[in-house]
C-alpha atoms as a PDB file:
ATOM      1  CA  MET A   1      -0.171 139.970-154.758  1.00  0.00           C
ATOM      2  CA  THR A   2      -0.467 143.095-156.802  1.00  0.00           C
ATOM      3  CA  LEU A   3      -3.040 145.874-156.668  1.00  0.00           C
ATOM      4  CA  ALA A   4      -2.678 147.867-160.063  1.00  0.00           C
ATOM      5  CA  PHE A   5      -4.761 150.791-161.094  1.00  0.00           C
ATOM      6  CA  LYS A   6      -4.667 153.998-163.243  1.00  0.00           C
ATOM      7  CA  ALA A   7      -5.168 157.085-160.707  1.00  0.00           C
ATOM      8  CA  ARG A   8      -7.529 159.748-162.116  1.00  0.00           C
ATOM      9  CA  SER A   9      -6.642 162.050-159.452  1.00  0.00           C
ATOM     10  CA  VAL A  10      -3.182 162.536-157.575  1.00  0.00           C
ATOM     11  CA  SER A  11      -3.106 164.965-154.811  1.00  0.00           C
ATOM     12  CA  CYS A  12      -0.558 166.435-152.385  1.00  0.00           C
ATOM     13  CA  ALA A  13      -1.811 168.067-149.144  1.00  0.00           C
ATOM     14  CA  ASP A  14      -0.122 169.557-146.061  1.00  0.00           C
ATOM     15  CA  ALA A  15      -1.257 171.068-142.842  1.00  0.00           C
ATOM     16  CA  ILE A  16       0.201 172.805-139.804  1.00  0.00           C
ATOM     17  CA  ASP A  17       2.977 174.542-141.886  1.00  0.00           C
ATOM     18  CA  GLY A  18       4.015 171.283-143.349  1.00  0.00           C
ATOM     19  CA  GLU A  19       3.864 169.242-140.075  1.00  0.00           C
ATOM     20  CA  ILE A  20       1.489 166.925-141.812  1.00  0.00           C
ATOM     21  CA  LEU A  21       1.840 165.737-145.262  1.00  0.00           C
ATOM     22  CA  GLN A  22      -0.436 163.516-147.401  1.00  0.00           C
ATOM     23  CA  VAL A  23      -0.287 162.108-150.941  1.00  0.00           C
ATOM     24  CA  THR A  24      -3.400 160.376-152.508  1.00  0.00           C
ATOM     25  CA  PHE A  25      -3.661 158.357-155.794  1.00  0.00           C
ATOM     26  CA  ASP A  26      -7.414 157.900-156.275  1.00  0.00           C
ATOM     27  CA  THR A  27      -9.546 156.345-159.185  1.00  0.00           C
ATOM     28  CA  LYS A  28     -12.421 158.714-158.268  1.00  0.00           C
ATOM     29  CA  PRO A  29     -12.863 162.414-157.784  1.00  0.00           C
ATOM     30  CA  GLY A  30     -12.568 163.398-153.996  1.00  0.00           C
ATOM     31  CA  SER A  31     -16.285 164.283-154.000  1.00  0.00           C
ATOM     32  CA  GLU A  32     -17.509 160.879-154.223  1.00  0.00           C
ATOM     33  CA  ASP A  33     -19.242 159.166-151.214  1.00  0.00           C
ATOM     34  CA  GLU A  34     -16.743 157.009-149.537  1.00  0.00           C
ATOM     35  CA  ASP A  35     -19.397 154.571-148.027  1.00  0.00           C
ATOM     36  CA  GLU A  36     -20.231 153.236-151.347  1.00  0.00           C
ATOM     37  CA  ARG A  37     -16.508 153.087-152.798  1.00  0.00           C
ATOM     38  CA  SER A  38     -15.965 150.152-155.103  1.00  0.00           C
ATOM     39  CA  THR A  39     -12.715 151.376-156.828  1.00  0.00           C
ATOM     40  CA  PRO A  40      -9.132 151.596-155.579  1.00  0.00           C
ATOM     41  CA  TYR A  41      -7.165 154.423-154.010  1.00  0.00           C
ATOM     42  CA  VAL A  42      -3.880 154.805-151.896  1.00  0.00           C
ATOM     43  CA  LEU A  43      -3.194 157.312-149.318  1.00  0.00           C
ATOM     44  CA  ILE A  44       0.117 158.043-147.802  1.00  0.00           C
ATOM     45  CA  SER A  45       0.489 160.321-144.821  1.00  0.00           C
ATOM     46  CA  CYS A  46       3.103 161.562-142.504  1.00  0.00           C
ATOM     47  CA  ASN A  47       3.072 163.477-139.132  1.00  0.00           C
ATOM     48  CA  PHE A  48       6.268 165.165-138.346  1.00  0.00           C
ATOM     49  CA  GLU A  49       5.168 165.998-134.886  1.00  0.00           C
ATOM     50  CA  PHE A  50       5.738 162.140-134.150  1.00  0.00           C
ATOM     51  CA  PRO A  51       8.699 159.855-134.817  1.00  0.00           C
ATOM     52  CA  ASP A  52       6.493 157.255-136.465  1.00  0.00           C
ATOM     53  CA  PRO A  53       7.363 156.267-140.022  1.00  0.00           C
ATOM     54  CA  ALA A  54       4.789 157.371-142.892  1.00  0.00           C
ATOM     55  CA  THR A  55       1.687 155.348-143.040  1.00  0.00           C
ATOM     56  CA  ILE A  56      -0.243 153.856-145.889  1.00  0.00           C
ATOM     57  CA  GLU A  57      -3.995 152.890-146.251  1.00  0.00           C
ATOM     58  CA  TRP A  58      -5.700 151.721-149.494  1.00  0.00           C
ATOM     59  CA  HIS A  59      -8.917 150.305-150.924  1.00  0.00           C
ATOM     60  CA  ASP A  60      -8.580 147.232-153.315  1.00  0.00           C
ATOM     61  CA  GLY A  61     -11.915 147.812-154.931  1.00  0.00           C
ATOM     62  CA  GLY A  62     -13.661 145.476-152.324  1.00  0.00           C
ATOM     63  CA  ASP A  63     -12.196 146.538-149.003  1.00  0.00           C
ATOM     64  CA  TYR A  64     -10.299 149.054-147.023  1.00  0.00           C
ATOM     65  CA  ALA A  65      -6.773 148.106-145.412  1.00  0.00           C
ATOM     66  CA  GLY A  66      -3.818 149.703-143.939  1.00  0.00           C
ATOM     67  CA  GLY A  67      -1.098 149.732-141.278  1.00  0.00           C
ATOM     68  CA  ALA A  68       1.445 148.126-143.438  1.00  0.00           C
ATOM     69  CA  GLU A  69       5.121 149.211-143.560  1.00  0.00           C
ATOM     70  CA  ILE A  70       6.354 150.782-146.942  1.00  0.00           C
ATOM     71  CA  VAL A  71       9.512 148.588-147.705  1.00  0.00           C
ATOM     72  CA  SER A  72      10.357 150.460-150.982  1.00  0.00           C
ATOM     73  CA  MET A  73       8.878 152.779-153.318  1.00  0.00           C
ATOM     74  CA  VAL A  74       9.861 153.662-156.872  1.00  0.00           C
ATOM     75  CA  LEU A  75       8.627 156.804-158.559  1.00  0.00           C
ATOM     76  CA  THR A  76       9.090 157.532-162.202  1.00  0.00           C
ATOM     77  CA  ARG A  77       7.243 160.110-164.273  1.00  0.00           C
ATOM     78  CA  ASP A  78       3.965 158.316-164.686  1.00  0.00           C
ATOM     79  CA  ARG A  79       4.051 155.463-162.156  1.00  0.00           C
ATOM     80  CA  VAL A  80       4.797 154.656-158.586  1.00  0.00           C
ATOM     81  CA  LEU A  81       5.475 151.149-157.381  1.00  0.00           C
ATOM     82  CA  ILE A  82       4.987 150.718-153.653  1.00  0.00           C
ATOM     83  CA  LYS A  83       6.340 147.394-151.885  1.00  0.00           C
ATOM     84  CA  LEU A  84       4.677 146.644-148.547  1.00  0.00           C
ATOM     85  CA  ASP A  85       5.693 144.190-145.844  1.00  0.00           C
ATOM     86  CA  ARG A  86       2.511 142.229-146.306  1.00  0.00           C
ATOM     87  CA  ASP A  87       3.685 140.728-149.659  1.00  0.00           C
ATOM     88  CA  LEU A  88       1.727 143.428-151.662  1.00  0.00           C
ATOM     89  CA  VAL A  89       2.997 145.435-154.418  1.00  0.00           C
ATOM     90  CA  ILE A  90       0.817 148.702-155.151  1.00  0.00           C
ATOM     91  CA  ASP A  91       1.376 149.679-158.959  1.00  0.00           C
ATOM     92  CA  VAL A  92      -0.364 153.129-159.779  1.00  0.00           C
ATOM     93  CA  SER A  93      -0.007 154.757-163.074  1.00  0.00           C
ATOM     94  CA  PHE A  94      -0.857 158.507-163.545  1.00  0.00           C
ATOM     95  CA  SER A  95      -0.588 161.386-165.783  1.00  0.00           C
ATOM     96  CA  ILE A  96       0.262 164.784-164.145  1.00  0.00           C
ATOM     97  CA  SER A  97       1.680 168.106-165.185  1.00  0.00           C
ATOM     98  CA  ASP A  98       5.514 168.550-164.572  1.00  0.00           C
ATOM     99  CA  ARG A  99       4.724 171.115-161.767  1.00  0.00           C
ATOM    100  CA  ARG A 100       2.503 168.520-159.939  1.00  0.00           C
ATOM    101  CA  PHE A 101       4.893 165.967-160.512  1.00  0.00           C
ATOM    102  CA  ALA A 102       7.627 168.097-158.990  1.00  0.00           C
ATOM    103  CA  LYS A 103       5.331 168.758-155.865  1.00  0.00           C
ATOM    104  CA  LEU A 104       4.531 164.813-155.646  1.00  0.00           C
ATOM    105  CA  ARG A 105       8.201 163.884-155.704  1.00  0.00           C
ATOM    106  CA  SER A 106       8.862 166.592-152.990  1.00  0.00           C
ATOM    107  CA  HIS A 107       6.183 165.384-150.760  1.00  0.00           C
ATOM    108  CA  LEU A 108       7.227 161.754-151.119  1.00  0.00           C
ATOM    109  CA  ARG A 109      10.918 162.434-150.588  1.00  0.00           C
ATOM    110  CA  ARG A 110      10.063 164.353-147.381  1.00  0.00           C
ATOM    111  CA  MET A 111       7.736 161.520-146.141  1.00  0.00           C
ATOM    112  CA  LEU A 112      10.181 158.495-146.619  1.00  0.00           C
ATOM    113  CA  ASP A 113      13.475 157.591-145.875  1.00  0.00           C
ATOM    114  CA  ASP A 114      16.311 157.578-148.542  1.00  0.00           C
ATOM    115  CA  GLY A 115      16.782 153.850-148.314  1.00  0.00           C
ATOM    116  CA  VAL A 116      12.906 153.482-149.171  1.00  0.00           C
ATOM    117  CA  PHE A 117      12.263 156.070-151.838  1.00  0.00           C
ATOM    118  CA  VAL A 118      13.822 155.870-155.209  1.00  0.00           C
ATOM    119  CA  THR A 119      13.288 158.169-158.303  1.00  0.00           C
ATOM    120  CA  SER A 120      14.161 157.132-161.817  1.00  0.00           C
END
C-alpha cells in the first residue's frame, strides 16, 4: 500500500539542545484542529536521551497510525519516500527553499542510521 500526498508544510523542530528532533510533513497548516483532521501528515521524531530508533506516526486521511519501523528513506530535493515494515510506502512531495531543505536533510540524517537514510 502507498500513502502519497503533497505537503503544504514541512517543519523541523528541536528541543532540549537538540536531544529531541522532529520532522513533520503536513497537508494542513499547524493551527488546524486535529480532532477534525481528514488529510494526511507524517511525523518523524527521535529522542536521543534513549537508545530507541526514530519513531513515525501518520494520518492517512481517515485514521491515525504509528509504531512502525522505518526500513528505508530516500530524500530528494522535492520528495521523500519512506518504506515501513508494515508493507506501507509513504511518498511525500514538497516544495521548500534550499535553506529549509538543508535543515530537513540535516535533521533526518541525525535521526536515521546510514543504512536507512539515503539522499540523492
